Protein backbone atom coordinates (compact mmCIF):
# COMPACT_ATOMS: atom_id res chain seq x y z
CA UNK A 1 0.00 0.00 0.00
CA UNK A 2 2.89 2.33 0.77
CA UNK A 3 4.27 1.73 -2.73
CA UNK A 4 0.90 2.62 -4.27
CA UNK A 5 0.67 5.84 -2.26
CA UNK A 6 4.27 6.74 -3.13
CA UNK A 7 3.57 6.09 -6.81
CA UNK A 8 0.44 8.28 -6.73
CA UNK A 9 2.30 11.02 -4.84
CA UNK A 10 5.18 11.06 -7.31
CA UNK A 11 2.73 11.01 -10.23
CA UNK A 12 0.66 13.91 -8.88
CA UNK A 13 3.81 15.92 -8.06
CA UNK A 14 5.92 15.30 -11.18
CA UNK A 15 9.59 16.21 -11.21
CA UNK A 16 10.68 19.34 -13.05
CA UNK A 17 11.15 18.86 -16.76
CA UNK A 18 12.24 21.16 -19.52
CA UNK A 19 9.67 22.21 -22.07
CA UNK A 20 11.30 19.96 -24.63
CA UNK A 21 11.10 16.94 -22.30
CA UNK A 22 7.42 17.66 -21.52
CA UNK A 23 6.55 17.88 -25.22
CA UNK A 24 8.45 14.66 -25.94
CA UNK A 25 6.88 12.62 -23.13
CA UNK A 26 3.39 13.99 -23.73
CA UNK A 27 3.75 13.21 -27.44
CA UNK A 28 4.81 9.63 -26.67
CA UNK A 29 1.85 9.18 -24.31
CA UNK A 30 -0.75 10.54 -26.73
CA UNK A 31 0.74 8.59 -29.66
CA UNK A 32 0.59 5.29 -27.76
CA UNK A 33 -2.99 5.92 -26.59
CA UNK A 34 -4.00 6.88 -30.13
CA UNK A 35 -2.37 3.74 -31.53
CA UNK A 36 -4.20 1.60 -28.96
CA UNK A 37 -7.52 3.28 -29.84
CA UNK A 38 -6.99 2.74 -33.57
CA UNK A 39 -6.08 -0.92 -33.03
CA UNK A 40 -9.18 -1.51 -30.89
CA UNK A 41 -11.35 0.30 -33.47
CA UNK A 42 -9.94 -2.01 -36.13
CA UNK A 43 -10.71 -5.06 -34.00
CA UNK A 44 -14.32 -3.88 -33.65
CA UNK A 45 -14.61 -3.40 -37.41
CA UNK A 46 -13.54 -6.98 -38.12
CA UNK A 47 -15.91 -8.26 -35.46
CA UNK A 48 -13.42 -9.32 -32.80
CA UNK A 49 -14.53 -9.55 -29.18
CA UNK A 50 -14.28 -6.51 -26.91
CA UNK A 51 -12.39 -8.64 -24.39
CA UNK A 52 -9.09 -7.83 -26.08
CA UNK A 53 -9.58 -4.07 -25.69
CA UNK A 54 -8.47 -3.79 -22.03
CA UNK A 55 -5.32 -5.81 -22.79
CA UNK A 56 -4.39 -3.47 -25.65
CA UNK A 57 -4.70 -0.43 -23.40
CA UNK A 58 -2.78 -2.11 -20.58
CA UNK A 59 0.01 -2.61 -23.13
CA UNK A 60 -0.20 1.09 -24.03
CA UNK A 61 0.17 1.96 -20.34
CA UNK A 62 3.18 -0.35 -20.05
CA UNK A 63 4.89 1.24 -23.05
CA UNK A 64 4.08 4.74 -21.79
CA UNK A 65 5.67 4.01 -18.42
CA UNK A 66 8.68 2.49 -20.17
CA UNK A 67 9.44 5.28 -22.64
CA UNK A 68 8.55 8.38 -20.58
CA UNK A 69 10.33 9.92 -17.63
CA UNK A 70 8.59 10.02 -14.27
CA UNK A 71 5.29 8.68 -12.97
CA UNK A 72 2.81 11.27 -14.22
CA UNK A 73 2.50 10.05 -17.79
CA UNK A 74 1.94 6.42 -16.80
CA UNK A 75 -0.83 7.44 -14.38
CA UNK A 76 -2.36 9.75 -16.98
CA UNK A 77 -2.34 6.89 -19.51
CA UNK A 78 -3.93 4.60 -16.91
CA UNK A 79 -6.84 6.97 -16.20
CA UNK A 80 -7.31 7.79 -19.89
CA UNK A 81 -7.34 4.08 -20.74
CA UNK A 82 -9.95 3.19 -18.11
CA UNK A 83 -12.37 5.92 -19.14
CA UNK A 84 -11.56 5.53 -22.83
CA UNK A 85 -12.44 1.84 -22.78
CA UNK A 86 -15.70 2.57 -20.97
CA UNK A 87 -16.66 5.39 -23.31
CA UNK A 88 -15.61 4.19 -26.77
CA UNK A 89 -15.31 0.42 -26.63
CA UNK A 90 -18.00 -0.76 -24.21
CA UNK A 91 -21.72 -1.02 -24.88
CA UNK A 92 -23.53 1.37 -25.12
CA UNK A 93 -20.79 2.90 -27.25
CA UNK A 94 -19.73 6.54 -26.86
CA UNK A 95 -21.52 6.86 -23.54
CA UNK A 96 -20.29 6.46 -20.00
CA UNK A 97 -22.14 3.61 -18.36
CA UNK A 98 -20.95 2.04 -15.13
CA UNK A 99 -24.29 0.34 -14.36
CA UNK A 100 -23.74 -2.76 -16.52
CA UNK A 101 -23.52 -6.00 -14.56
CA UNK A 102 -19.93 -6.74 -13.69
CA UNK A 103 -18.51 -3.66 -15.39
CA UNK A 104 -17.64 -1.70 -12.22
CA UNK A 105 -15.49 -4.66 -11.17
CA UNK A 106 -13.93 -4.81 -14.65
CA UNK A 107 -13.13 -1.10 -14.50
CA UNK A 108 -11.56 -1.35 -11.06
CA UNK A 109 -9.58 -4.43 -12.12
CA UNK A 110 -8.26 -2.70 -15.25
CA UNK A 111 -7.29 0.38 -13.25
CA UNK A 112 -5.49 -1.79 -10.69
CA UNK A 113 -3.69 -3.81 -13.37
CA UNK A 114 -2.63 -0.66 -15.21
CA UNK A 115 -1.49 0.94 -11.96
CA UNK A 116 0.56 -2.08 -10.94
CA UNK A 117 2.12 -2.35 -14.40
CA UNK A 118 3.09 1.32 -14.29
CA UNK A 119 4.53 0.94 -10.79
CA UNK A 120 6.58 -2.13 -11.72
CA UNK A 121 7.91 -0.45 -14.85
CA UNK A 122 8.93 2.64 -12.90
CA UNK A 123 10.55 0.46 -10.25
CA UNK A 124 12.64 -1.30 -12.89
CA UNK A 125 13.67 2.07 -14.34
CA UNK A 126 14.57 3.34 -10.89
CA UNK A 127 16.69 0.27 -10.21
CA UNK A 128 18.43 0.76 -13.55
CA UNK A 129 19.22 4.35 -12.62
CA UNK A 130 20.52 3.28 -9.21
CA UNK A 131 22.67 0.61 -10.84
CA UNK A 132 24.02 3.08 -13.39
CA UNK A 133 24.84 5.52 -10.59
CA UNK A 134 26.59 2.76 -8.65
CA UNK A 135 28.64 1.91 -11.75
CA UNK A 136 29.63 5.56 -12.13
CA UNK A 137 30.70 5.71 -8.49
CA UNK A 138 32.67 2.50 -8.90
CA UNK A 139 34.32 3.92 -12.02
CA UNK A 140 35.26 7.09 -10.13
CA UNK A 141 36.69 5.07 -7.23
CA UNK A 142 38.72 2.92 -9.62
CA UNK A 143 39.92 5.98 -11.46
CA UNK A 144 40.95 7.63 -8.19
CA UNK A 145 42.94 4.58 -7.08
CA UNK A 146 44.73 4.33 -10.40
CA UNK A 147 45.40 8.08 -10.51
CA UNK A 148 46.77 7.98 -6.96
CA UNK A 149 49.39 5.45 -8.06
CA UNK A 150 50.22 7.26 -11.27
CA UNK A 151 50.63 10.60 -9.50
CA UNK A 152 52.59 9.33 -6.52
CA UNK A 153 55.25 7.44 -8.49
CA UNK A 154 56.52 10.27 -10.78
CA UNK A 155 56.16 12.85 -8.00
CA UNK A 156 58.37 10.70 -5.77
CA UNK A 157 60.92 10.42 -8.60
CA UNK A 158 60.85 14.20 -9.17
CA UNK A 159 61.41 14.88 -5.48
CA UNK A 160 64.21 12.30 -5.33
CA UNK A 161 66.06 13.61 -8.39
CA UNK A 162 65.76 17.26 -7.38
CA UNK A 163 66.86 16.45 -3.81
CA UNK A 164 69.98 14.69 -5.09
CA UNK A 165 70.88 17.72 -7.22
CA UNK A 166 70.33 20.18 -4.37
CA UNK A 167 72.12 18.20 -1.65
CA UNK A 168 75.06 16.98 -3.78
CA UNK A 169 75.35 19.77 -6.31
CA UNK A 170 79.10 20.29 -5.94
CA UNK A 171 79.88 16.56 -5.87
CA UNK A 172 77.99 15.77 -9.08
CA UNK A 173 79.47 16.12 -12.53
CA UNK A 174 77.78 18.05 -15.31
CA UNK A 175 76.58 14.89 -17.06
CA UNK A 176 75.07 13.51 -13.86
CA UNK A 177 73.28 16.79 -13.18
CA UNK A 178 71.99 16.88 -16.74
CA UNK A 179 70.74 13.27 -16.47
CA UNK A 180 68.85 14.04 -13.26
CA UNK A 181 67.29 17.17 -14.76
CA UNK A 182 66.21 15.15 -17.80
CA UNK A 183 64.56 12.61 -15.49
CA UNK A 184 62.67 15.40 -13.75
CA UNK A 185 61.57 16.77 -17.12
CA UNK A 186 60.38 13.36 -18.35
CA UNK A 187 58.40 12.71 -15.18
CA UNK A 188 56.85 16.18 -15.31
CA UNK A 189 55.80 15.64 -18.93
CA UNK A 190 54.27 12.32 -17.90
CA UNK A 191 52.24 14.13 -15.26
CA UNK A 192 50.99 16.65 -17.82
CA UNK A 193 49.85 13.85 -20.11
CA UNK A 194 48.19 12.07 -17.19
CA UNK A 195 46.23 15.20 -16.27
CA UNK A 196 45.17 15.66 -19.90
CA UNK A 197 43.92 12.07 -20.04
CA UNK A 198 42.01 12.38 -16.76
CA UNK A 199 40.34 15.58 -17.94
CA UNK A 200 39.37 13.91 -21.22
CA UNK A 201 37.82 10.92 -19.42
CA UNK A 202 35.84 12.91 -16.87
CA UNK A 203 34.65 15.67 -19.19
CA UNK A 204 33.60 13.37 -22.01
CA UNK A 205 31.96 10.77 -19.75
CA UNK A 206 30.07 13.49 -17.87
CA UNK A 207 29.01 15.20 -21.09
CA UNK A 208 30.80 18.41 -20.12
CA UNK A 209 32.74 18.59 -23.37
CA UNK A 210 31.14 19.43 -26.70
CA UNK A 211 33.37 18.11 -29.45
CA UNK A 212 34.45 20.78 -31.91
CA UNK A 213 34.35 18.65 -35.03
CA UNK A 214 35.54 19.84 -38.39
CA UNK A 215 36.68 17.94 -41.50
CA UNK A 216 40.37 17.20 -41.06
CA UNK A 217 42.84 15.35 -43.26
CA UNK A 218 43.71 12.13 -41.44
CA UNK A 219 47.28 12.24 -42.79
CA UNK A 220 47.89 15.72 -41.35
CA UNK A 221 46.61 14.75 -37.91
CA UNK A 222 48.84 11.67 -37.88
CA UNK A 223 51.85 13.73 -39.00
CA UNK A 224 51.28 16.29 -36.23
CA UNK A 225 51.00 13.54 -33.60
CA UNK A 226 54.19 11.87 -34.84
CA UNK A 227 56.10 15.18 -34.84
CA UNK A 228 55.14 15.80 -31.21
CA UNK A 229 56.08 12.24 -30.31
CA UNK A 230 59.52 12.52 -31.94
CA UNK A 231 60.35 15.60 -29.86
CA UNK A 232 60.28 13.51 -26.68
CA UNK A 233 61.16 9.97 -27.81
CA UNK A 234 63.88 8.38 -29.91
CA UNK A 235 62.01 5.24 -30.94
CA UNK A 236 61.63 5.30 -34.76
CA UNK A 237 58.12 5.72 -36.19
CA UNK A 238 57.12 4.74 -39.72
CA UNK A 239 53.93 6.29 -41.11
CA UNK A 240 51.91 4.55 -43.82
CA UNK A 241 49.08 6.48 -45.46
CA UNK A 242 46.95 5.93 -48.61
CA UNK A 243 47.30 8.07 -51.72
CA UNK A 244 43.75 9.37 -51.50
CA UNK A 245 42.85 12.25 -49.22
CA UNK A 246 40.78 11.00 -46.29
CA UNK A 247 38.74 13.73 -44.61
CA UNK A 248 37.32 12.87 -41.21
CA UNK A 249 35.00 14.99 -39.03
CA UNK A 250 36.90 15.15 -35.75
CA UNK A 251 38.21 17.24 -32.90
CA UNK A 252 41.81 17.34 -34.12
CA UNK A 253 43.38 18.02 -30.72
CA UNK A 254 41.66 15.03 -29.10
CA UNK A 255 42.53 12.62 -31.91
CA UNK A 256 46.16 13.77 -31.72
CA UNK A 257 45.97 12.96 -28.01
CA UNK A 258 44.73 9.45 -28.83
CA UNK A 259 47.56 8.80 -31.29
CA UNK A 260 50.10 10.24 -28.87
CA UNK A 261 48.86 8.00 -26.05
CA UNK A 262 49.05 4.90 -28.23
CA UNK A 263 52.61 5.60 -29.35
CA UNK A 264 53.75 6.44 -25.82
CA UNK A 265 52.23 3.18 -24.56
CA UNK A 266 54.52 1.35 -26.93
CA UNK A 267 57.57 3.12 -25.48
CA UNK A 268 56.54 2.54 -21.87
CA UNK A 269 54.78 -0.83 -21.91
CA UNK A 270 55.64 -2.78 -25.08
CA UNK A 271 58.27 -5.35 -24.11
CA UNK A 272 61.29 -5.51 -26.43
CA UNK A 273 59.75 -3.10 -28.94
CA UNK A 274 62.23 -1.31 -31.19
CA UNK A 275 59.98 0.49 -33.70
CA UNK A 276 56.45 1.79 -34.22
CA UNK A 277 54.30 1.85 -37.34
CA UNK A 278 51.32 4.19 -37.63
CA UNK A 279 49.05 3.32 -40.54
CA UNK A 280 45.89 4.89 -41.93
CA UNK A 281 43.46 3.12 -44.24
CA UNK A 282 39.91 3.30 -45.50
CA UNK A 283 37.51 0.50 -44.61
CA UNK A 284 34.80 -0.94 -46.84
CA UNK A 285 32.05 0.76 -44.84
CA UNK A 286 33.56 4.24 -45.40
CA UNK A 287 35.37 4.60 -42.11
CA UNK A 288 38.98 5.59 -41.51
CA UNK A 289 41.12 3.16 -39.53
CA UNK A 290 44.13 4.38 -37.53
CA UNK A 291 46.47 1.64 -36.30
CA UNK A 292 49.54 1.82 -34.07
CA UNK A 293 51.71 -1.32 -34.23
CA UNK A 294 54.92 -2.41 -32.56
CA UNK A 295 57.41 -5.25 -32.97
CA UNK A 296 57.58 -6.24 -29.31
CA UNK A 297 56.36 -9.38 -27.57
CA UNK A 298 52.68 -8.52 -27.79
CA UNK A 299 49.94 -8.32 -25.15
CA UNK A 300 49.22 -11.19 -22.78
CA UNK A 301 46.03 -13.03 -23.77
CA UNK A 302 44.44 -12.63 -20.34
CA UNK A 303 45.03 -8.88 -20.43
CA UNK A 304 43.49 -8.15 -23.84
CA UNK A 305 39.81 -8.22 -22.69
CA UNK A 306 40.58 -5.67 -19.94
CA UNK A 307 42.98 -3.51 -21.87
CA UNK A 308 40.72 -0.43 -22.04
CA UNK A 309 39.55 -0.51 -18.42
CA UNK A 310 40.33 2.53 -16.32
CA UNK A 311 41.80 0.50 -13.46
CA UNK A 312 44.30 -1.56 -15.40
CA UNK A 313 46.86 -3.71 -13.59
CA UNK A 314 50.33 -2.25 -13.61
CA UNK A 315 53.02 -4.15 -15.40
CA UNK A 316 54.41 -6.99 -13.32
CA UNK A 317 57.23 -7.82 -15.66
CA UNK A 318 60.58 -6.74 -14.29
CA UNK A 319 61.53 -5.38 -17.70
CA UNK A 320 58.44 -3.18 -17.98
CA UNK A 321 58.53 0.45 -17.03
CA UNK A 322 55.64 0.24 -14.59
CA UNK A 323 55.78 3.93 -13.67
CA UNK A 324 52.35 4.61 -15.10
CA UNK A 325 49.18 2.60 -15.53
CA UNK A 326 48.27 1.83 -19.13
CA UNK A 327 44.58 1.96 -18.19
CA UNK A 328 44.28 5.73 -17.77
CA UNK A 329 45.68 6.52 -21.22
CA UNK A 330 43.79 3.77 -23.04
CA UNK A 331 40.55 4.56 -21.23
CA UNK A 332 40.92 8.20 -22.29
CA UNK A 333 41.49 7.01 -25.86
CA UNK A 334 38.36 4.86 -25.74
CA UNK A 335 36.25 7.73 -24.36
CA UNK A 336 37.46 10.10 -27.08
CA UNK A 337 36.91 7.59 -29.89
CA UNK A 338 33.42 6.70 -28.65
CA UNK A 339 32.54 10.40 -28.44
CA UNK A 340 33.44 10.61 -32.15
CA UNK A 341 31.07 7.74 -32.98
CA UNK A 342 33.94 5.30 -33.53
CA UNK A 343 35.18 2.11 -31.92
CA UNK A 344 38.52 0.81 -30.74
CA UNK A 345 40.15 -2.59 -30.40
CA UNK A 346 43.50 -4.28 -29.80
CA UNK A 347 45.05 -7.51 -31.01
CA UNK A 348 48.37 -9.32 -31.29
CA UNK A 349 50.05 -9.54 -34.68
CA UNK A 350 50.90 -12.93 -36.17
CA UNK A 351 54.49 -11.83 -36.84
CA UNK A 352 54.87 -10.59 -33.26
CA UNK A 353 54.03 -7.39 -31.47
CA UNK A 354 50.70 -5.71 -30.82
CA UNK A 355 48.28 -3.65 -32.86
CA UNK A 356 45.83 -1.09 -31.41
CA UNK A 357 43.34 0.41 -33.87
CA UNK A 358 40.40 2.76 -33.84
CA UNK A 359 37.95 3.62 -36.60
CA UNK A 360 36.11 6.88 -37.19
CA UNK A 361 33.25 7.65 -39.61
CA UNK A 362 34.37 9.77 -42.53
CA UNK A 363 33.02 12.25 -45.03
CA UNK A 364 33.58 11.50 -48.70
CA UNK A 365 35.56 14.27 -50.38
CA UNK A 366 36.20 14.69 -54.11
CA UNK A 367 39.98 14.43 -54.32
CA UNK A 368 40.26 14.95 -58.05
CA UNK A 369 39.46 11.38 -59.09
CA UNK A 370 42.48 9.70 -57.53
CA UNK A 371 41.95 6.08 -56.61
CA UNK A 372 43.05 4.47 -53.43
CA UNK A 373 46.39 3.61 -54.96
CA UNK A 374 49.42 2.28 -53.21
CA UNK A 375 50.42 3.27 -49.72
CA UNK A 376 52.99 5.97 -49.17
CA UNK A 377 55.56 5.43 -46.44
CA UNK A 378 57.65 7.95 -44.56
């Protein structure tokens, strides 16, 4: 009984909605009731029994509760269904008549069934919202734990290196001082990239960032990402692009961040990798595929399914760098790619090494009639 009263209270005092939401939900409600009425009218025309009419309207109530937000519209559909059935689909037609034998009980039963259906549907929706909120909280907790590790480790290294320089300045040679300063610089740059990735994850997942998409040449974006990568890393990068011009609607800065993260993951986490290849190609369904490959030992099979999780286990291999979690960077990449309407995946290459790819929808551009042609390598 308490649930019924709570349902009626929430329905009679609906939550605040924007005008657009009200128009949408009211339109859904009226469309479903109209569809139910037309279906019942059709059943009457072909001579079917009126017994199916209440079931049709109960279904309309169920769908209304499912596809609208809040309790008001389900209750409105319930009341409209009860009186609509009595008025239009019960003898004498197009008159209200509650004096027929057994009909008051039928009316009360239909109202109760519709009410219970609406309540159950809203309860399921509420549980889904609670579960989604719990998942978001879990994601935030996981992200916080991973960030705590990734911040603490380079900060400790920065403090250690700078302390050595300050306390033993006169005893250190110029090369030793330079090496320590370079370590501080590298760790500081890692922190900057970590902060950028965290901001990308939180803003995109929370809907706080509106992507500034514009048609960009995929080759130019790749070249810019590679140039930035080469300023900080010595590992050779080979770029393979098609002859045709591939224009992709994207936020160029974010896609550069994705490519930069993937190449840096090779440097930090790919075991025994000596080179990187960044390739761009066009798929059969008019999407552009970006792939970053390495010639290392590949990704462990048990890790692949969890590769893009935010809380990703740190490398346990003694040869791995282990200073930063791969999960933050790859999770940021996944969030950015999904926000662009694309998808991302990873696999091991048959000849050794790993391949991480993402695909983005593209816009066809007249490039002067050039075919796909052979790849160009840099």
